Amino acid sequence: MSNFPIYALDFDGVICDSAVETAITGWKSATYVWPDMANTVPAEKHIAQFRELRPQLETGYEAIIFMRLIQQGESVTNIKANISKFLNELGKDSSLLKQLFGQTRDQWIQHARDEWITMNPLFEGIGEKLQKLSGQTWYIVTTKQERFVEQILQANQVDLPVDIYGLDRKMGKQAVLQELLELHGDKTIQLIEDRLPTLAGVLGNDRLNAVELQLVDWGYNTEQDRTDARTKGIKVIGLSEFLQAQPAS
């Protein structure tokens, strides 16, 4: 078991099913940007539409733009087809939107922490899996702000990993992986992700050839993503396979 890989786990879509919370935070944030949305709340249909779009979301603040488009009546199909255009048009002040998104979450936690935690459930069996990693070396590599990851893990009685590489560090995932390889040159780093573009980017980086890549089939991706991953030689794993893998003793 000494050759068991060191996990570098994505958070949203691998550990946490945060789609509903992300949609609501995106909507709440949007009410500060567009006055016509003030004092409104998303309907169930809006959240369902966001979940369809969730595989296209790379960083949380983009939910502000997605929810604005949904509120304006744009179809999921049209948003998917023109996602770059919409993000460029409505996301020009991305640094401000990131700040707003984080502040809106902070306010929600401050006023209704239990509700916020409930909106961020871990995928079935994941909490128990991570609890078994206590004392092991593992990491979270995410575009989520670190304080939110910590809150959710602690609420689920999961010991924090060796490190959380989140949005606050302003490091791309490839840079993080390079750092982990330097820290653990004799160990295998296993990146477990739900976004194919992230894995494809790592696959194309010769400096990261030693990183093992896995795409989870329970996260925010599509059947086409999973087919394309297999074509690229990226392993697609199911939840049961991940849960059954045993860490080094």
Protein backbone atom coordinates (compact mmCIF):
# COMPACT_ATOMS: atom_id res chain seq x y z
CA MET A 1 0.00 0.00 0.00
CA SER A 2 3.03 2.30 0.18
CA ASN A 3 2.55 3.19 -3.50
CA PHE A 4 -0.94 4.55 -2.93
CA PRO A 5 -1.17 7.92 -4.76
CA ILE A 6 -1.48 11.30 -3.11
CA TYR A 7 -4.90 12.71 -3.87
CA ALA A 8 -5.28 16.18 -5.38
CA LEU A 9 -9.06 16.47 -5.23
CA ASP A 10 -11.25 19.03 -6.87
CA PHE A 11 -14.00 20.17 -4.51
CA ASP A 12 -17.21 21.16 -6.28
CA GLY A 13 -18.41 18.21 -8.34
CA VAL A 14 -16.04 15.71 -6.70
CA ILE A 15 -16.53 16.17 -2.97
CA CYS A 16 -19.46 18.56 -2.70
CA ASP A 17 -22.72 18.82 -4.66
CA SER A 18 -22.86 22.59 -4.46
CA ALA A 19 -24.96 23.30 -7.55
CA VAL A 20 -28.04 24.56 -5.69
CA GLU A 21 -26.04 26.77 -3.33
CA THR A 22 -23.97 28.15 -6.19
CA ALA A 23 -27.12 28.99 -8.14
CA ILE A 24 -28.69 30.79 -5.19
CA THR A 25 -25.49 32.68 -4.34
CA GLY A 26 -25.20 33.66 -7.99
CA TRP A 27 -28.75 35.00 -7.98
CA LYS A 28 -28.30 36.85 -4.68
CA SER A 29 -25.11 38.42 -6.02
CA ALA A 30 -26.82 39.41 -9.26
CA THR A 31 -29.42 41.40 -7.34
CA TYR A 32 -26.63 43.82 -6.35
CA VAL A 33 -25.50 44.25 -9.96
CA TRP A 34 -28.84 44.57 -11.75
CA PRO A 35 -31.42 46.66 -9.81
CA ASP A 36 -34.37 45.06 -11.62
CA MET A 37 -33.53 41.81 -9.79
CA ALA A 38 -33.72 43.39 -6.33
CA ASN A 39 -36.02 41.62 -3.86
CA THR A 40 -36.41 38.59 -6.15
CA VAL A 41 -35.53 34.95 -5.51
CA PRO A 42 -34.84 32.16 -8.00
CA ALA A 43 -37.64 29.75 -8.78
CA GLU A 44 -37.07 26.00 -8.88
CA LYS A 45 -37.06 26.14 -12.68
CA HIS A 46 -34.22 28.67 -12.57
CA ILE A 47 -32.13 26.40 -10.35
CA ALA A 48 -32.90 23.42 -12.60
CA GLN A 49 -31.70 25.41 -15.60
CA PHE A 50 -28.52 26.36 -13.75
CA ARG A 51 -27.82 22.71 -12.95
CA GLU A 52 -27.96 21.99 -16.69
CA LEU A 53 -25.40 24.73 -17.23
CA ARG A 54 -23.19 23.75 -14.29
CA PRO A 55 -20.71 21.70 -16.39
CA GLN A 56 -19.86 24.91 -18.28
CA LEU A 57 -19.01 26.85 -15.11
CA GLU A 58 -15.30 27.08 -14.32
CA THR A 59 -15.21 29.55 -11.40
CA GLY A 60 -18.03 30.29 -8.96
CA TYR A 61 -18.50 33.96 -9.81
CA GLU A 62 -19.65 32.96 -13.31
CA ALA A 63 -22.89 31.83 -11.64
CA ILE A 64 -23.78 35.52 -11.31
CA ILE A 65 -23.77 35.82 -15.09
CA PHE A 66 -25.54 32.51 -15.66
CA MET A 67 -28.34 33.42 -13.27
CA ARG A 68 -28.75 36.86 -14.82
CA LEU A 69 -29.11 35.28 -18.25
CA ILE A 70 -31.61 32.74 -16.92
CA GLN A 71 -33.58 35.51 -15.20
CA GLN A 72 -33.66 37.40 -18.51
CA GLY A 73 -35.22 34.39 -20.22
CA GLU A 74 -32.22 33.15 -22.18
CA SER A 75 -32.52 29.44 -22.94
CA VAL A 76 -30.01 26.92 -21.68
CA THR A 77 -29.25 26.00 -25.29
CA ASN A 78 -28.49 29.60 -26.26
CA ILE A 79 -26.33 30.19 -23.18
CA LYS A 80 -24.29 27.07 -23.94
CA ALA A 81 -23.87 28.10 -27.57
CA ASN A 82 -22.73 31.63 -26.73
CA ILE A 83 -21.08 31.17 -23.35
CA SER A 84 -17.79 32.91 -24.22
CA LYS A 85 -19.66 35.89 -25.65
CA PHE A 86 -21.88 36.22 -22.56
CA LEU A 87 -18.97 35.88 -20.14
CA ASN A 88 -16.97 38.52 -22.03
CA GLU A 89 -19.89 40.93 -22.17
CA LEU A 90 -21.19 40.58 -18.62
CA GLY A 91 -18.00 39.53 -16.84
CA LYS A 92 -15.64 42.35 -17.75
CA ASP A 93 -15.18 43.26 -14.08
CA SER A 94 -14.39 39.70 -13.06
CA SER A 95 -12.32 40.70 -10.02
CA LEU A 96 -15.26 42.68 -8.65
CA LEU A 97 -17.68 39.84 -9.39
CA LYS A 98 -15.41 37.37 -7.58
CA GLN A 99 -15.31 39.67 -4.57
CA LEU A 100 -19.09 40.14 -4.64
CA PHE A 101 -19.68 36.41 -4.92
CA GLY A 102 -17.49 35.71 -1.89
CA GLN A 103 -19.04 38.50 0.16
CA THR A 104 -22.54 37.28 -0.64
CA ARG A 105 -21.61 33.81 0.60
CA ASP A 106 -20.06 35.30 3.72
CA GLN A 107 -23.29 37.14 4.48
CA TRP A 108 -25.36 34.00 3.97
CA ILE A 109 -23.10 32.04 6.33
CA GLN A 110 -23.18 34.82 8.91
CA HIS A 111 -26.97 34.98 8.97
CA ALA A 112 -27.95 31.34 8.27
CA ARG A 113 -24.92 29.06 8.48
CA ASP A 114 -26.90 25.84 8.98
CA GLU A 115 -29.01 26.58 5.92
CA TRP A 116 -25.90 27.29 3.86
CA ILE A 117 -24.26 24.05 4.99
CA THR A 118 -27.42 22.11 4.10
CA MET A 119 -27.24 23.55 0.60
CA ASN A 120 -23.73 22.10 0.22
CA PRO A 121 -24.13 18.35 0.79
CA LEU A 122 -21.24 15.99 0.21
CA PHE A 123 -21.82 13.30 -2.38
CA GLU A 124 -22.92 10.02 -0.84
CA GLY A 125 -20.10 8.25 0.97
CA ILE A 126 -17.56 11.01 0.38
CA GLY A 127 -17.56 12.25 3.97
CA GLU A 128 -16.72 8.78 5.29
CA LYS A 129 -14.05 8.35 2.62
CA LEU A 130 -12.33 11.60 3.58
CA GLN A 131 -12.55 10.79 7.28
CA LYS A 132 -10.50 7.65 6.53
CA LEU A 133 -7.78 9.87 5.06
CA SER A 134 -7.06 11.35 8.49
CA GLY A 135 -3.32 11.28 8.97
CA GLN A 136 -2.67 10.83 5.24
CA THR A 137 -1.22 13.37 2.83
CA TRP A 138 -3.90 14.72 0.50
CA TYR A 139 -4.85 18.05 -1.00
CA ILE A 140 -7.79 19.98 -2.35
CA VAL A 141 -7.17 21.88 -5.57
CA THR A 142 -10.15 24.09 -6.35
CA THR A 143 -11.29 27.40 -7.78
CA LYS A 144 -13.44 27.89 -4.67
CA GLN A 145 -12.30 30.27 -1.93
CA GLU A 146 -10.56 28.30 0.80
CA ARG A 147 -12.65 29.52 3.73
CA PHE A 148 -15.80 28.02 2.22
CA VAL A 149 -14.16 24.64 1.68
CA GLU A 150 -12.99 24.65 5.31
CA GLN A 151 -16.49 25.46 6.59
CA ILE A 152 -18.09 22.58 4.69
CA LEU A 153 -15.45 20.00 5.61
CA GLN A 154 -15.51 20.94 9.28
CA ALA A 155 -19.31 20.75 9.34
CA ASN A 156 -18.98 17.18 8.03
CA GLN A 157 -16.37 16.19 10.65
CA VAL A 158 -13.63 15.87 8.05
CA ASP A 159 -10.09 16.74 9.13
CA LEU A 160 -8.70 19.41 6.85
CA PRO A 161 -6.23 18.17 4.25
CA VAL A 162 -2.53 19.03 4.31
CA ASP A 163 -3.38 22.07 2.23
CA ILE A 164 -6.26 23.65 0.36
CA TYR A 165 -5.21 25.36 -2.85
CA GLY A 166 -8.13 27.67 -3.51
CA LEU A 167 -9.03 30.81 -5.41
CA ASP A 168 -7.30 33.08 -2.89
CA ARG A 169 -3.86 31.80 -3.93
CA LYS A 170 -4.28 33.04 -7.49
CA MET A 171 -2.57 29.87 -8.77
CA GLY A 172 -3.81 27.90 -11.73
CA LYS A 173 -4.28 24.18 -11.17
CA GLN A 174 -1.31 23.33 -13.37
CA ALA A 175 0.94 25.53 -11.22
CA VAL A 176 -0.40 23.82 -8.11
CA LEU A 177 0.32 20.39 -9.55
CA GLN A 178 3.86 21.45 -10.45
CA GLU A 179 4.36 22.51 -6.84
CA LEU A 180 2.99 19.21 -5.55
CA LEU A 181 5.32 17.26 -7.84
CA GLU A 182 8.25 19.20 -6.43
CA LEU A 183 7.10 18.48 -2.88
CA HIS A 184 6.49 14.77 -3.50
CA GLY A 185 8.91 13.79 -6.23
CA ASP A 186 8.90 10.13 -5.20
CA LYS A 187 5.11 9.83 -4.96
CA THR A 188 2.34 9.64 -7.52
CA ILE A 189 0.00 12.64 -7.59
CA GLN A 190 -3.53 11.74 -8.67
CA LEU A 191 -5.70 14.61 -9.87
CA ILE A 192 -9.37 13.73 -9.49
CA GLU A 193 -11.58 16.20 -11.34
CA ASP A 194 -15.04 16.62 -12.80
CA ARG A 195 -14.04 19.11 -15.52
CA LEU A 196 -12.61 17.64 -18.70
CA PRO A 197 -11.04 20.94 -19.88
CA THR A 198 -8.96 21.04 -16.69
CA LEU A 199 -7.72 17.50 -17.21
CA ALA A 200 -7.09 18.09 -20.92
CA GLY A 201 -4.95 21.11 -20.05
CA VAL A 202 -2.85 19.03 -17.67
CA LEU A 203 -2.59 16.29 -20.29
CA GLY A 204 -1.09 18.80 -22.71
CA ASN A 205 1.57 19.99 -20.25
CA ASP A 206 4.71 17.88 -20.62
CA ARG A 207 5.96 18.95 -17.17
CA LEU A 208 2.93 17.23 -15.62
CA ASN A 209 3.27 13.86 -17.35
CA ALA A 210 3.76 12.16 -13.98
CA VAL A 211 0.32 13.25 -12.71
CA GLU A 212 -2.36 10.57 -12.94
CA LEU A 213 -5.65 11.95 -14.27
CA GLN A 214 -9.14 10.77 -13.41
CA LEU A 215 -12.52 12.17 -14.43
CA VAL A 216 -15.39 11.41 -12.04
CA ASP A 217 -18.70 10.34 -13.56
CA TRP A 218 -20.78 11.73 -10.67
CA GLY A 219 -19.70 15.35 -11.07
CA TYR A 220 -20.58 18.27 -13.30
CA ASN A 221 -19.80 16.84 -16.71
CA THR A 222 -21.68 15.32 -19.61
CA GLU A 223 -21.73 11.92 -21.27
CA GLN A 224 -19.88 13.51 -24.19
CA ASP A 225 -17.20 14.73 -21.78
CA ARG A 226 -16.78 11.20 -20.47
CA THR A 227 -16.56 9.77 -23.99
CA ASP A 228 -14.00 12.40 -24.98
CA ALA A 229 -11.98 11.71 -21.83
CA ARG A 230 -11.70 8.03 -22.66
CA THR A 231 -10.65 8.93 -26.20
CA LYS A 232 -7.84 11.05 -24.75
CA GLY A 233 -6.74 8.21 -22.49
CA ILE A 234 -8.08 9.80 -19.31
CA LYS A 235 -9.55 7.29 -16.89
CA VAL A 236 -13.22 7.80 -15.99
CA ILE A 237 -14.13 6.52 -12.53
CA GLY A 238 -17.40 5.88 -10.73
CA LEU A 239 -18.20 6.82 -7.17
CA SER A 240 -18.04 3.24 -5.89
CA GLU A 241 -14.55 2.77 -7.35
CA PHE A 242 -13.30 5.92 -5.64
CA LEU A 243 -14.89 5.00 -2.32
CA GLN A 244 -13.39 1.51 -2.37
CA ALA A 245 -9.81 2.63 -3.06
CA GLN A 246 -7.80 2.16 0.13
CA PRO A 247 -5.15 4.63 1.37
CA ALA A 248 -1.76 3.52 2.55
CA SER A 249 -1.72 2.11 6.06
